[in-house]
Amino acid sequence: MRNYITYEWFTIFTIIGLFSIVVAKYINTLRFNDFMYVIGNSKYLKIYTKDQKFIDQFDSFLFINLSLSFSIFLFFAYSTFVSPLDFELVSFLKLLFVVSTIIIIKTLIERLIGSLFEIDSLMDQYLFQKTTFKNLSGIVFLMANLFLLYTNLSIEIIITIGFSLVCIINFIGFLSSFKTYQKLLNPNFFYFLLYLCALEIGPYILLYKVIREYNA
C-alpha cells in the first residue's frame, strides 16, 4: 500500500495539513498554546467561547488539517481492516470532499436547529466545544499518518492507537459538554438520544457507505 504514487500524494496532503496548523499558530499563538492543553484544562473553552465567530480563521485552518488528515487515516484504516484500496487521486479527492462536506453540513444543520428552537447561544457554545475536540483529533490523525507513511511500524497497531486516542479525546469532550448542559438534557433525554442517532452516528454511517462506493 505504501507505493510511490500513494506516498507522494499523501506527503503533499500531509504538508498542507502541517502548513495549516502552522498558520493557525501564527494567527494566534497564545490561543494555539491554550488549545493544545484543552484536555484537563477548561481555560481555552471558557475564554475563547465568548470570542467565537460564525467563520473563525483559527478554526478554519485547523479544519483544513482535520479534513486532510482524517481522510488519509480513513484510507489506511479501511484498506487495512476492511478491504484493500487502490489509490486514485480523483477518488481520494472525492473522499476528501465528502468528509469535508459532511462535517460542514452537519455543523450548519446544528446551527439551524439552534435558530429554530431559539437556543442559538447555547448551540454555539456546544458546537465550539465539539469543534475544539475535533480539531485536536485532527492533530492526532496527522501524527498517526506520519507514522503510517514514514515508519515501518505495524500499520494495525498505529491505526488502533490513533483511533483509540481520538475516541478518548472525543469522549472527554462529550463528557465535558454533557456535564455543562446536564440540567438541560436530563428532562429532554429522549430528544438527546434522537440527536445522537441522527447527527452524531448517522453521518459516520453515511461516510462508511461512501467509502464502500469508493472501493467498488
N, C-alpha and C. Protein backbone atom coordinates (compact mmCIF):
# COMPACT_ATOMS: atom_id res chain seq x y z
N MET A 1 0.84 -1.22 0.00
CA MET A 1 0.00 0.00 0.00
C MET A 1 0.87 1.26 0.00
N ARG A 2 2.08 1.12 0.53
CA ARG A 2 2.94 2.30 0.59
C ARG A 2 3.73 2.44 -0.72
N ASN A 3 3.01 2.45 -1.85
CA ASN A 3 3.69 2.60 -3.12
C ASN A 3 4.09 4.05 -3.34
N TYR A 4 4.88 4.26 -4.39
CA TYR A 4 5.48 5.58 -4.62
C TYR A 4 4.43 6.66 -4.84
N ILE A 5 3.43 6.35 -5.68
CA ILE A 5 2.41 7.35 -6.02
C ILE A 5 1.61 7.74 -4.78
N THR A 6 1.17 6.73 -4.01
CA THR A 6 0.41 7.00 -2.79
C THR A 6 1.25 7.83 -1.83
N TYR A 7 2.50 7.43 -1.67
CA TYR A 7 3.41 8.13 -0.76
C TYR A 7 3.57 9.58 -1.18
N GLU A 8 3.73 9.80 -2.47
CA GLU A 8 3.97 11.16 -2.97
C GLU A 8 2.78 12.07 -2.70
N TRP A 9 1.58 11.63 -3.06
CA TRP A 9 0.39 12.46 -2.88
C TRP A 9 0.05 12.65 -1.41
N PHE A 10 0.18 11.59 -0.62
CA PHE A 10 -0.11 11.72 0.81
C PHE A 10 0.90 12.63 1.48
N THR A 11 2.12 12.65 0.98
CA THR A 11 3.12 13.58 1.51
C THR A 11 2.69 15.02 1.25
N ILE A 12 2.21 15.28 0.04
CA ILE A 12 1.74 16.62 -0.31
C ILE A 12 0.58 17.04 0.60
N PHE A 13 -0.40 16.14 0.77
CA PHE A 13 -1.56 16.46 1.60
C PHE A 13 -1.15 16.65 3.07
N THR A 14 -0.19 15.85 3.52
CA THR A 14 0.29 15.96 4.91
C THR A 14 1.00 17.29 5.13
N ILE A 15 1.78 17.71 4.15
CA ILE A 15 2.47 19.00 4.25
C ILE A 15 1.45 20.14 4.31
N ILE A 16 0.40 20.04 3.50
CA ILE A 16 -0.66 21.06 3.54
C ILE A 16 -1.30 21.09 4.92
N GLY A 17 -1.54 19.91 5.51
CA GLY A 17 -2.11 19.84 6.85
C GLY A 17 -1.19 20.48 7.88
N LEU A 18 0.10 20.17 7.80
CA LEU A 18 1.08 20.77 8.71
C LEU A 18 1.13 22.28 8.54
N PHE A 19 1.10 22.72 7.29
CA PHE A 19 1.15 24.16 7.00
C PHE A 19 -0.06 24.87 7.59
N SER A 20 -1.24 24.25 7.48
CA SER A 20 -2.45 24.88 8.02
C SER A 20 -2.38 25.02 9.54
N ILE A 21 -1.75 24.04 10.20
CA ILE A 21 -1.57 24.13 11.65
C ILE A 21 -0.60 25.25 12.00
N VAL A 22 0.47 25.36 11.23
CA VAL A 22 1.45 26.43 11.45
C VAL A 22 0.80 27.80 11.27
N VAL A 23 -0.05 27.93 10.25
CA VAL A 23 -0.74 29.20 10.00
C VAL A 23 -1.67 29.52 11.17
N ALA A 24 -2.40 28.50 11.67
CA ALA A 24 -3.29 28.71 12.81
C ALA A 24 -2.50 29.21 14.02
N LYS A 25 -1.33 28.62 14.25
CA LYS A 25 -0.50 29.06 15.37
C LYS A 25 0.03 30.46 15.14
N TYR A 26 0.37 30.78 13.90
CA TYR A 26 0.88 32.12 13.57
C TYR A 26 -0.20 33.18 13.78
N ILE A 27 -1.44 32.85 13.41
CA ILE A 27 -2.55 33.79 13.56
C ILE A 27 -2.77 34.16 15.02
N ASN A 28 -2.70 33.15 15.89
CA ASN A 28 -2.93 33.41 17.32
C ASN A 28 -2.14 32.39 18.13
N THR A 29 -0.89 32.72 18.42
CA THR A 29 0.00 31.79 19.12
C THR A 29 -0.51 31.47 20.51
N LEU A 30 -0.98 32.47 21.24
CA LEU A 30 -1.47 32.26 22.60
C LEU A 30 -2.67 31.31 22.59
N ARG A 31 -3.58 31.55 21.66
CA ARG A 31 -4.76 30.68 21.58
C ARG A 31 -4.36 29.25 21.22
N PHE A 32 -3.41 29.10 20.32
CA PHE A 32 -2.97 27.77 19.92
C PHE A 32 -2.36 27.03 21.11
N ASN A 33 -1.55 27.71 21.88
CA ASN A 33 -0.94 27.07 23.06
C ASN A 33 -2.01 26.64 24.05
N ASP A 34 -3.02 27.48 24.27
CA ASP A 34 -4.11 27.10 25.16
C ASP A 34 -4.90 25.93 24.58
N PHE A 35 -5.08 25.95 23.27
CA PHE A 35 -5.81 24.89 22.58
C PHE A 35 -5.15 23.53 22.77
N MET A 36 -3.84 23.48 22.72
CA MET A 36 -3.12 22.22 22.84
C MET A 36 -3.24 21.61 24.24
N TYR A 37 -3.63 22.42 25.20
CA TYR A 37 -3.78 21.92 26.57
C TYR A 37 -5.25 21.91 27.01
N VAL A 38 -6.16 21.81 26.04
CA VAL A 38 -7.59 21.90 26.36
C VAL A 38 -8.06 20.72 27.21
N ILE A 39 -7.44 19.55 27.02
CA ILE A 39 -7.82 18.40 27.83
C ILE A 39 -7.30 18.59 29.25
N GLY A 40 -8.19 18.54 30.19
CA GLY A 40 -7.80 18.72 31.59
C GLY A 40 -7.69 20.17 32.00
N ASN A 41 -7.97 21.08 31.06
CA ASN A 41 -7.88 22.50 31.39
C ASN A 41 -9.01 23.23 30.65
N SER A 42 -9.95 23.76 31.40
CA SER A 42 -11.12 24.41 30.81
C SER A 42 -10.85 25.86 30.41
N LYS A 43 -9.62 26.32 30.58
CA LYS A 43 -9.28 27.71 30.28
C LYS A 43 -9.62 28.07 28.84
N TYR A 44 -9.24 27.22 27.91
CA TYR A 44 -9.47 27.52 26.49
C TYR A 44 -10.95 27.69 26.20
N LEU A 45 -11.77 26.75 26.67
CA LEU A 45 -13.20 26.79 26.40
C LEU A 45 -13.85 28.01 27.04
N LYS A 46 -13.43 28.35 28.23
CA LYS A 46 -14.03 29.48 28.95
C LYS A 46 -13.68 30.82 28.28
N ILE A 47 -12.45 30.94 27.82
CA ILE A 47 -12.00 32.22 27.26
C ILE A 47 -12.49 32.43 25.83
N TYR A 48 -12.30 31.41 24.99
CA TYR A 48 -12.50 31.63 23.55
C TYR A 48 -13.92 31.34 23.06
N THR A 49 -14.74 30.72 23.90
CA THR A 49 -16.15 30.54 23.52
C THR A 49 -16.81 31.89 23.33
N LYS A 50 -16.44 32.86 24.15
CA LYS A 50 -17.05 34.19 24.09
C LYS A 50 -16.67 34.94 22.81
N ASP A 51 -15.50 34.60 22.26
CA ASP A 51 -15.00 35.35 21.11
C ASP A 51 -15.23 34.65 19.77
N GLN A 52 -15.95 33.54 19.79
CA GLN A 52 -16.13 32.78 18.56
C GLN A 52 -16.97 33.53 17.54
N LYS A 53 -16.69 33.24 16.27
CA LYS A 53 -17.40 33.85 15.15
C LYS A 53 -17.99 32.73 14.29
N PHE A 54 -18.91 33.11 13.41
CA PHE A 54 -19.53 32.10 12.53
C PHE A 54 -18.46 31.45 11.66
N ILE A 55 -17.56 32.26 11.10
CA ILE A 55 -16.40 31.74 10.37
C ILE A 55 -15.15 32.23 11.09
N ASP A 56 -14.47 31.32 11.75
CA ASP A 56 -13.31 31.67 12.57
C ASP A 56 -12.04 31.24 11.83
N GLN A 57 -11.12 32.17 11.61
CA GLN A 57 -9.89 31.87 10.87
C GLN A 57 -9.10 30.76 11.54
N PHE A 58 -8.95 30.85 12.84
CA PHE A 58 -8.16 29.88 13.59
C PHE A 58 -8.72 28.48 13.40
N ASP A 59 -10.02 28.32 13.64
CA ASP A 59 -10.66 27.01 13.49
C ASP A 59 -10.69 26.56 12.03
N SER A 60 -10.77 27.51 11.12
CA SER A 60 -10.83 27.16 9.69
C SER A 60 -9.54 26.47 9.23
N PHE A 61 -8.40 26.99 9.66
CA PHE A 61 -7.14 26.36 9.27
C PHE A 61 -6.96 25.00 9.95
N LEU A 62 -7.41 24.88 11.18
CA LEU A 62 -7.35 23.57 11.84
C LEU A 62 -8.31 22.59 11.17
N PHE A 63 -9.41 23.10 10.63
CA PHE A 63 -10.37 22.26 9.91
C PHE A 63 -9.75 21.70 8.63
N ILE A 64 -8.92 22.49 7.98
CA ILE A 64 -8.23 22.01 6.77
C ILE A 64 -7.40 20.78 7.10
N ASN A 65 -6.64 20.87 8.19
CA ASN A 65 -5.85 19.72 8.61
C ASN A 65 -6.74 18.55 8.99
N LEU A 66 -7.83 18.82 9.72
CA LEU A 66 -8.74 17.75 10.13
C LEU A 66 -9.26 16.98 8.92
N SER A 67 -9.72 17.70 7.91
CA SER A 67 -10.28 17.06 6.71
C SER A 67 -9.23 16.22 5.99
N LEU A 68 -8.06 16.79 5.79
CA LEU A 68 -7.00 16.07 5.08
C LEU A 68 -6.50 14.86 5.87
N SER A 69 -6.19 15.08 7.13
CA SER A 69 -5.62 14.01 7.95
C SER A 69 -6.62 12.90 8.21
N PHE A 70 -7.88 13.27 8.45
CA PHE A 70 -8.92 12.27 8.68
C PHE A 70 -9.13 11.42 7.43
N SER A 71 -9.11 12.05 6.26
CA SER A 71 -9.31 11.32 5.01
C SER A 71 -8.18 10.33 4.75
N ILE A 72 -6.94 10.76 4.99
CA ILE A 72 -5.79 9.86 4.82
C ILE A 72 -5.89 8.70 5.80
N PHE A 73 -6.22 9.01 7.05
CA PHE A 73 -6.33 7.97 8.08
C PHE A 73 -7.44 6.98 7.71
N LEU A 74 -8.56 7.49 7.20
CA LEU A 74 -9.65 6.62 6.77
C LEU A 74 -9.21 5.69 5.65
N PHE A 75 -8.43 6.22 4.73
CA PHE A 75 -7.93 5.41 3.62
C PHE A 75 -7.12 4.23 4.14
N PHE A 76 -6.18 4.51 5.03
CA PHE A 76 -5.35 3.45 5.60
C PHE A 76 -6.18 2.48 6.43
N ALA A 77 -7.08 3.00 7.25
CA ALA A 77 -7.87 2.14 8.13
C ALA A 77 -8.77 1.19 7.34
N TYR A 78 -9.47 1.74 6.35
CA TYR A 78 -10.37 0.91 5.54
C TYR A 78 -9.57 -0.12 4.74
N SER A 79 -8.47 0.31 4.17
CA SER A 79 -7.65 -0.57 3.35
C SER A 79 -7.01 -1.68 4.19
N THR A 80 -6.77 -1.41 5.46
CA THR A 80 -6.12 -2.39 6.33
C THR A 80 -7.10 -3.36 6.95
N PHE A 81 -8.23 -2.85 7.43
CA PHE A 81 -9.14 -3.69 8.21
C PHE A 81 -10.39 -4.17 7.44
N VAL A 82 -10.72 -3.53 6.33
CA VAL A 82 -11.93 -3.90 5.61
C VAL A 82 -11.61 -4.52 4.26
N SER A 83 -11.06 -3.72 3.37
CA SER A 83 -10.76 -4.20 2.02
C SER A 83 -9.66 -3.33 1.42
N PRO A 84 -8.66 -3.95 0.79
CA PRO A 84 -7.55 -3.18 0.19
C PRO A 84 -8.05 -2.17 -0.84
N LEU A 85 -7.49 -0.97 -0.80
CA LEU A 85 -7.87 0.08 -1.73
C LEU A 85 -6.71 0.40 -2.67
N ASP A 86 -7.03 0.63 -3.91
CA ASP A 86 -6.04 1.12 -4.87
C ASP A 86 -6.15 2.64 -4.90
N PHE A 87 -5.04 3.31 -4.63
CA PHE A 87 -5.08 4.76 -4.57
C PHE A 87 -5.29 5.36 -5.95
N GLU A 88 -6.28 6.23 -6.05
CA GLU A 88 -6.51 7.03 -7.24
C GLU A 88 -6.77 8.46 -6.77
N LEU A 89 -6.05 9.40 -7.34
CA LEU A 89 -6.13 10.78 -6.87
C LEU A 89 -7.55 11.33 -6.94
N VAL A 90 -8.22 11.12 -8.06
CA VAL A 90 -9.57 11.66 -8.23
C VAL A 90 -10.52 11.06 -7.19
N SER A 91 -10.41 9.76 -6.98
CA SER A 91 -11.29 9.10 -6.00
C SER A 91 -11.00 9.59 -4.59
N PHE A 92 -9.71 9.80 -4.30
CA PHE A 92 -9.36 10.29 -2.96
C PHE A 92 -9.86 11.71 -2.76
N LEU A 93 -9.77 12.54 -3.79
CA LEU A 93 -10.28 13.91 -3.69
C LEU A 93 -11.79 13.91 -3.47
N LYS A 94 -12.48 12.94 -4.07
CA LYS A 94 -13.92 12.81 -3.83
C LYS A 94 -14.17 12.44 -2.38
N LEU A 95 -13.35 11.53 -1.83
CA LEU A 95 -13.47 11.16 -0.42
C LEU A 95 -13.23 12.36 0.47
N LEU A 96 -12.19 13.13 0.15
CA LEU A 96 -11.87 14.34 0.91
C LEU A 96 -13.03 15.33 0.87
N PHE A 97 -13.62 15.47 -0.32
CA PHE A 97 -14.76 16.38 -0.48
C PHE A 97 -15.95 15.92 0.37
N VAL A 98 -16.21 14.62 0.36
CA VAL A 98 -17.34 14.09 1.13
C VAL A 98 -17.11 14.29 2.63
N VAL A 99 -15.89 13.99 3.10
CA VAL A 99 -15.57 14.17 4.52
C VAL A 99 -15.77 15.62 4.93
N SER A 100 -15.23 16.55 4.15
CA SER A 100 -15.36 17.97 4.47
C SER A 100 -16.81 18.43 4.42
N THR A 101 -17.54 17.97 3.41
CA THR A 101 -18.93 18.38 3.25
C THR A 101 -19.81 17.88 4.38
N ILE A 102 -19.60 16.64 4.79
CA ILE A 102 -20.39 16.08 5.89
C ILE A 102 -20.18 16.88 7.17
N ILE A 103 -18.92 17.21 7.46
CA ILE A 103 -18.62 17.96 8.68
C ILE A 103 -19.26 19.35 8.63
N ILE A 104 -19.16 20.02 7.48
CA ILE A 104 -19.70 21.37 7.34
C ILE A 104 -21.23 21.36 7.41
N ILE A 105 -21.85 20.46 6.63
CA ILE A 105 -23.32 20.41 6.60
C ILE A 105 -23.87 20.03 7.97
N LYS A 106 -23.20 19.10 8.64
CA LYS A 106 -23.62 18.70 9.99
C LYS A 106 -23.61 19.90 10.93
N THR A 107 -22.57 20.71 10.85
CA THR A 107 -22.47 21.90 11.70
C THR A 107 -23.56 22.91 11.36
N LEU A 108 -23.82 23.11 10.07
CA LEU A 108 -24.85 24.05 9.64
C LEU A 108 -26.24 23.61 10.08
N ILE A 109 -26.50 22.31 10.01
CA ILE A 109 -27.80 21.79 10.47
C ILE A 109 -27.97 22.02 11.95
N GLU A 110 -26.91 21.81 12.71
CA GLU A 110 -26.98 22.01 14.16
C GLU A 110 -27.21 23.50 14.47
N ARG A 111 -26.60 24.37 13.71
CA ARG A 111 -26.85 25.80 13.91
C ARG A 111 -28.29 26.15 13.55
N LEU A 112 -28.80 25.53 12.49
CA LEU A 112 -30.19 25.76 12.09
C LEU A 112 -31.15 25.31 13.18
N ILE A 113 -30.85 24.16 13.79
CA ILE A 113 -31.67 23.66 14.89
C ILE A 113 -31.66 24.65 16.05
N GLY A 114 -30.47 25.20 16.32
CA GLY A 114 -30.35 26.20 17.38
C GLY A 114 -31.21 27.42 17.10
N SER A 115 -31.25 27.85 15.84
CA SER A 115 -32.06 29.01 15.46
C SER A 115 -33.56 28.69 15.56
N LEU A 116 -33.95 27.51 15.08
CA LEU A 116 -35.36 27.13 15.09
C LEU A 116 -35.92 27.05 16.50
N PHE A 117 -35.11 26.56 17.43
CA PHE A 117 -35.58 26.42 18.81
C PHE A 117 -35.14 27.59 19.69
N GLU A 118 -34.58 28.62 19.03
CA GLU A 118 -34.17 29.85 19.72
C GLU A 118 -33.20 29.58 20.87
N ILE A 119 -32.24 28.73 20.58
CA ILE A 119 -31.19 28.43 21.57
C ILE A 119 -29.82 28.65 20.89
N ASP A 120 -29.75 29.72 20.11
CA ASP A 120 -28.53 29.99 19.35
C ASP A 120 -27.28 30.05 20.22
N SER A 121 -27.37 30.77 21.32
CA SER A 121 -26.23 30.94 22.20
C SER A 121 -25.77 29.60 22.78
N LEU A 122 -26.74 28.81 23.22
CA LEU A 122 -26.43 27.50 23.79
C LEU A 122 -25.80 26.59 22.75
N MET A 123 -26.38 26.58 21.54
CA MET A 123 -25.86 25.73 20.48
C MET A 123 -24.47 26.18 20.03
N ASP A 124 -24.23 27.49 20.00
CA ASP A 124 -22.91 28.00 19.62
C ASP A 124 -21.84 27.53 20.60
N GLN A 125 -22.17 27.57 21.89
CA GLN A 125 -21.21 27.12 22.90
C GLN A 125 -20.94 25.63 22.76
N TYR A 126 -22.01 24.87 22.52
CA TYR A 126 -21.87 23.42 22.38
C TYR A 126 -21.05 23.06 21.14
N LEU A 127 -21.31 23.74 20.02
CA LEU A 127 -20.57 23.48 18.79
C LEU A 127 -19.11 23.88 18.92
N PHE A 128 -18.85 24.95 19.67
CA PHE A 128 -17.47 25.37 19.88
C PHE A 128 -16.69 24.29 20.62
N GLN A 129 -17.32 23.70 21.63
CA GLN A 129 -16.68 22.62 22.37
C GLN A 129 -16.40 21.43 21.47
N LYS A 130 -17.39 21.05 20.67
CA LYS A 130 -17.22 19.91 19.77
C LYS A 130 -16.15 20.19 18.72
N THR A 131 -16.17 21.38 18.15
CA THR A 131 -15.19 21.74 17.14
C THR A 131 -13.78 21.71 17.70
N THR A 132 -13.63 22.17 18.93
CA THR A 132 -12.33 22.17 19.58
C THR A 132 -11.75 20.77 19.68
N PHE A 133 -12.54 19.83 20.14
CA PHE A 133 -12.05 18.47 20.32
C PHE A 133 -11.89 17.75 18.98
N LYS A 134 -12.69 18.10 17.99
CA LYS A 134 -12.50 17.53 16.65
C LYS A 134 -11.18 18.02 16.05
N ASN A 135 -10.90 19.31 16.20
CA ASN A 135 -9.66 19.85 15.66
C ASN A 135 -8.44 19.25 16.36
N LEU A 136 -8.57 18.98 17.65
CA LEU A 136 -7.49 18.31 18.38
C LEU A 136 -7.32 16.89 17.86
N SER A 137 -8.44 16.25 17.53
CA SER A 137 -8.38 14.91 16.93
C SER A 137 -7.65 14.96 15.59
N GLY A 138 -7.83 16.06 14.84
CA GLY A 138 -7.15 16.22 13.57
C GLY A 138 -5.65 16.18 13.71
N ILE A 139 -5.14 16.75 14.79
CA ILE A 139 -3.69 16.74 15.04
C ILE A 139 -3.22 15.32 15.37
N VAL A 140 -4.06 14.57 16.10
CA VAL A 140 -3.74 13.17 16.39
C VAL A 140 -3.71 12.35 15.10
N PHE A 141 -4.70 12.59 14.22
CA PHE A 141 -4.72 11.90 12.93
C PHE A 141 -3.45 12.21 12.13
N LEU A 142 -3.04 13.47 12.16
CA LEU A 142 -1.84 13.89 11.44
C LEU A 142 -0.62 13.14 11.97
N MET A 143 -0.48 13.06 13.27
CA MET A 143 0.65 12.36 13.87
C MET A 143 0.62 10.88 13.52
N ALA A 144 -0.57 10.29 13.55
CA ALA A 144 -0.70 8.87 13.19
C ALA A 144 -0.31 8.66 11.73
N ASN A 145 -0.72 9.58 10.86
CA ASN A 145 -0.39 9.47 9.43
C ASN A 145 1.11 9.55 9.19
N LEU A 146 1.80 10.37 9.98
CA LEU A 146 3.26 10.46 9.85
C LEU A 146 3.91 9.11 10.13
N PHE A 147 3.40 8.42 11.15
CA PHE A 147 3.92 7.09 11.46
C PHE A 147 3.55 6.09 10.37
N LEU A 148 2.33 6.22 9.83
CA LEU A 148 1.89 5.31 8.78
C LEU A 148 2.72 5.46 7.51
N LEU A 149 3.08 6.70 7.21
CA LEU A 149 3.76 6.99 5.95
C LEU A 149 5.28 6.82 6.02
N TYR A 150 5.87 7.15 7.16
CA TYR A 150 7.33 7.28 7.20
C TYR A 150 8.03 6.34 8.16
N THR A 151 7.32 5.35 8.70
CA THR A 151 7.97 4.35 9.55
C THR A 151 7.57 2.95 9.08
N ASN A 152 8.26 1.97 9.61
CA ASN A 152 7.95 0.58 9.28
C ASN A 152 7.21 -0.11 10.42
N LEU A 153 6.65 0.67 11.32
CA LEU A 153 5.88 0.09 12.42
C LEU A 153 4.61 -0.55 11.88
N SER A 154 4.04 -1.45 12.65
CA SER A 154 2.83 -2.16 12.24
C SER A 154 1.69 -1.18 11.96
N ILE A 155 1.13 -1.26 10.76
CA ILE A 155 0.02 -0.39 10.39
C ILE A 155 -1.17 -0.60 11.32
N GLU A 156 -1.45 -1.88 11.63
CA GLU A 156 -2.59 -2.20 12.50
C GLU A 156 -2.45 -1.55 13.87
N ILE A 157 -1.24 -1.60 14.43
CA ILE A 157 -1.01 -1.04 15.76
C ILE A 157 -1.15 0.48 15.73
N ILE A 158 -0.58 1.12 14.71
CA ILE A 158 -0.65 2.59 14.60
C ILE A 158 -2.09 3.04 14.48
N ILE A 159 -2.86 2.38 13.61
CA ILE A 159 -4.26 2.75 13.41
C ILE A 159 -5.07 2.55 14.68
N THR A 160 -4.82 1.43 15.36
CA THR A 160 -5.55 1.15 16.60
C THR A 160 -5.25 2.19 17.67
N ILE A 161 -3.98 2.53 17.83
CA ILE A 161 -3.59 3.53 18.84
C ILE A 161 -4.16 4.89 18.47
N GLY A 162 -4.04 5.28 17.20
CA GLY A 162 -4.56 6.57 16.75
C GLY A 162 -6.06 6.66 16.95
N PHE A 163 -6.78 5.62 16.54
CA PHE A 163 -8.23 5.60 16.69
C PHE A 163 -8.64 5.65 18.16
N SER A 164 -7.91 4.91 18.99
CA SER A 164 -8.22 4.88 20.43
C SER A 164 -8.02 6.26 21.06
N LEU A 165 -6.92 6.93 20.69
CA LEU A 165 -6.66 8.27 21.22
C LEU A 165 -7.75 9.26 20.82
N VAL A 166 -8.18 9.18 19.55
CA VAL A 166 -9.24 10.07 19.07
C VAL A 166 -10.54 9.80 19.81
N CYS A 167 -10.85 8.52 20.04
CA CYS A 167 -12.07 8.16 20.78
C CYS A 167 -12.02 8.72 22.20
N ILE A 168 -10.85 8.62 22.83
CA ILE A 168 -10.68 9.13 24.19
C ILE A 168 -10.86 10.64 24.22
N ILE A 169 -10.25 11.33 23.25
CA ILE A 169 -10.35 12.79 23.18
C ILE A 169 -11.79 13.23 23.02
N ASN A 170 -12.52 12.59 22.10
CA ASN A 170 -13.90 12.98 21.85
C ASN A 170 -14.84 12.55 22.97
N PHE A 171 -14.49 11.46 23.66
CA PHE A 171 -15.30 11.04 24.81
C PHE A 171 -15.14 12.05 25.94
N ILE A 172 -13.92 12.54 26.13
CA ILE A 172 -13.68 13.59 27.13
C ILE A 172 -14.48 14.84 26.76
N GLY A 173 -14.48 15.18 25.46
CA GLY A 173 -15.25 16.33 25.01
C GLY A 173 -16.73 16.13 25.23
N PHE A 174 -17.22 14.90 24.97
CA PHE A 174 -18.63 14.59 25.19
C PHE A 174 -19.00 14.71 26.67
N LEU A 175 -18.16 14.18 27.53
CA LEU A 175 -18.42 14.28 28.98
C LEU A 175 -18.41 15.73 29.43
N SER A 176 -17.49 16.51 28.86
CA SER A 176 -17.41 17.93 29.21
C SER A 176 -18.69 18.65 28.83
N SER A 177 -19.19 18.37 27.62
CA SER A 177 -20.43 19.00 27.16
C SER A 177 -21.62 18.52 27.97
N PHE A 178 -21.67 17.21 28.24
CA PHE A 178 -22.79 16.65 28.99
C PHE A 178 -22.84 17.23 30.40
N LYS A 179 -21.66 17.39 31.01
CA LYS A 179 -21.60 17.96 32.35
C LYS A 179 -22.07 19.40 32.35
N THR A 180 -21.67 20.14 31.31
CA THR A 180 -22.03 21.55 31.22
C THR A 180 -23.53 21.74 31.06
N TYR A 181 -24.18 20.87 30.25
CA TYR A 181 -25.59 21.05 29.92
C TYR A 181 -26.48 19.95 30.52
N GLN A 182 -26.00 19.33 31.60
CA GLN A 182 -26.72 18.20 32.19
C GLN A 182 -28.12 18.57 32.66
N LYS A 183 -28.25 19.73 33.28
CA LYS A 183 -29.57 20.14 33.79
C LYS A 183 -30.58 20.31 32.66
N LEU A 184 -30.09 20.77 31.51
CA LEU A 184 -30.97 20.95 30.36
C LEU A 184 -31.29 19.63 29.69
N LEU A 185 -30.33 18.69 29.68
CA LEU A 185 -30.50 17.43 28.97
C LEU A 185 -31.36 16.43 29.72
N ASN A 186 -31.27 16.42 31.04
CA ASN A 186 -31.99 15.41 31.82
C ASN A 186 -33.49 15.35 31.51
N PRO A 187 -34.22 16.46 31.49
CA PRO A 187 -35.65 16.38 31.19
C PRO A 187 -35.95 16.17 29.70
N ASN A 188 -34.93 16.24 28.86
CA ASN A 188 -35.12 16.07 27.42
C ASN A 188 -34.20 14.97 26.88
N PHE A 189 -34.00 13.94 27.68
CA PHE A 189 -33.03 12.91 27.35
C PHE A 189 -33.42 12.14 26.09
N PHE A 190 -34.71 11.92 25.87
CA PHE A 190 -35.16 11.21 24.68
C PHE A 190 -34.77 11.96 23.41
N TYR A 191 -34.97 13.27 23.41
CA TYR A 191 -34.61 14.09 22.25
C TYR A 191 -33.10 14.11 22.06
N PHE A 192 -32.38 14.03 23.18
CA PHE A 192 -30.93 13.99 23.10
C PHE A 192 -30.46 12.71 22.42
N LEU A 193 -31.11 11.59 22.71
CA LEU A 193 -30.79 10.32 22.06
C LEU A 193 -31.08 10.38 20.56
N LEU A 194 -32.21 11.02 20.20
CA LEU A 194 -32.53 11.18 18.78
C LEU A 194 -31.46 12.01 18.08
N TYR A 195 -31.01 13.04 18.77
CA TYR A 195 -29.95 13.89 18.21
C TYR A 195 -28.68 13.08 17.97
N LEU A 196 -28.30 12.24 18.95
CA LEU A 196 -27.10 11.43 18.82
C LEU A 196 -27.18 10.50 17.62
N CYS A 197 -28.36 9.87 17.47
CA CYS A 197 -28.53 8.92 16.36
C CYS A 197 -28.52 9.62 15.01
N ALA A 198 -29.22 10.76 14.94
CA ALA A 198 -29.39 11.44 13.65
C ALA A 198 -28.17 12.24 13.22
N LEU A 199 -27.54 12.96 14.15
CA LEU A 199 -26.48 13.89 13.77
C LEU A 199 -25.08 13.51 14.26
N GLU A 200 -24.99 12.52 15.13
CA GLU A 200 -23.66 12.10 15.60
C GLU A 200 -23.26 10.74 15.03
N ILE A 201 -24.21 9.82 14.94
CA ILE A 201 -23.91 8.48 14.44
C ILE A 201 -24.21 8.37 12.95
N GLY A 202 -25.34 8.94 12.53
CA GLY A 202 -25.78 8.85 11.14
C GLY A 202 -24.73 9.27 10.11
N PRO A 203 -24.08 10.44 10.27
CA PRO A 203 -23.10 10.88 9.27
C PRO A 203 -21.95 9.90 9.06
N TYR A 204 -21.54 9.21 10.13
CA TYR A 204 -20.43 8.27 10.00
C TYR A 204 -20.86 7.00 9.28
N ILE A 205 -22.13 6.62 9.43
CA ILE A 205 -22.66 5.50 8.66
C ILE A 205 -22.68 5.87 7.18
N LEU A 206 -23.10 7.11 6.90
CA LEU A 206 -23.10 7.60 5.53
C LEU A 206 -21.69 7.62 4.95
N LEU A 207 -20.73 8.04 5.75
CA LEU A 207 -19.35 8.10 5.31
C LEU A 207 -18.82 6.70 4.99
N TYR A 208 -19.19 5.72 5.81
CA TYR A 208 -18.77 4.33 5.57
C TYR A 208 -19.31 3.84 4.24
N LYS A 209 -20.57 4.17 3.94
CA LYS A 209 -21.16 3.76 2.67
C LYS A 209 -20.46 4.42 1.49
N VAL A 210 -20.06 5.67 1.67
CA VAL A 210 -19.34 6.38 0.61
C VAL A 210 -18.00 5.70 0.33
N ILE A 211 -17.31 5.28 1.39
CA ILE A 211 -16.01 4.62 1.21
C ILE A 211 -16.19 3.28 0.52
N ARG A 212 -17.28 2.59 0.82
CA ARG A 212 -17.57 1.31 0.14
C ARG A 212 -17.76 1.56 -1.35
N GLU A 213 -18.45 2.67 -1.68
CA GLU A 213 -18.61 3.02 -3.09
C GLU A 213 -17.27 3.35 -3.72
N TYR A 214 -16.42 3.97 -2.93
CA TYR A 214 -15.06 4.34 -3.38
C TYR A 214 -14.30 3.09 -3.79
N ASN A 215 -14.55 1.98 -3.09
CA ASN A 215 -13.82 0.74 -3.35
C ASN A 215 -14.53 -0.15 -4.36
N ALA A 216 -15.72 0.26 -4.79
CA ALA A 216 -16.49 -0.58 -5.71
C ALA A 216 -15.87 -0.61 -7.10
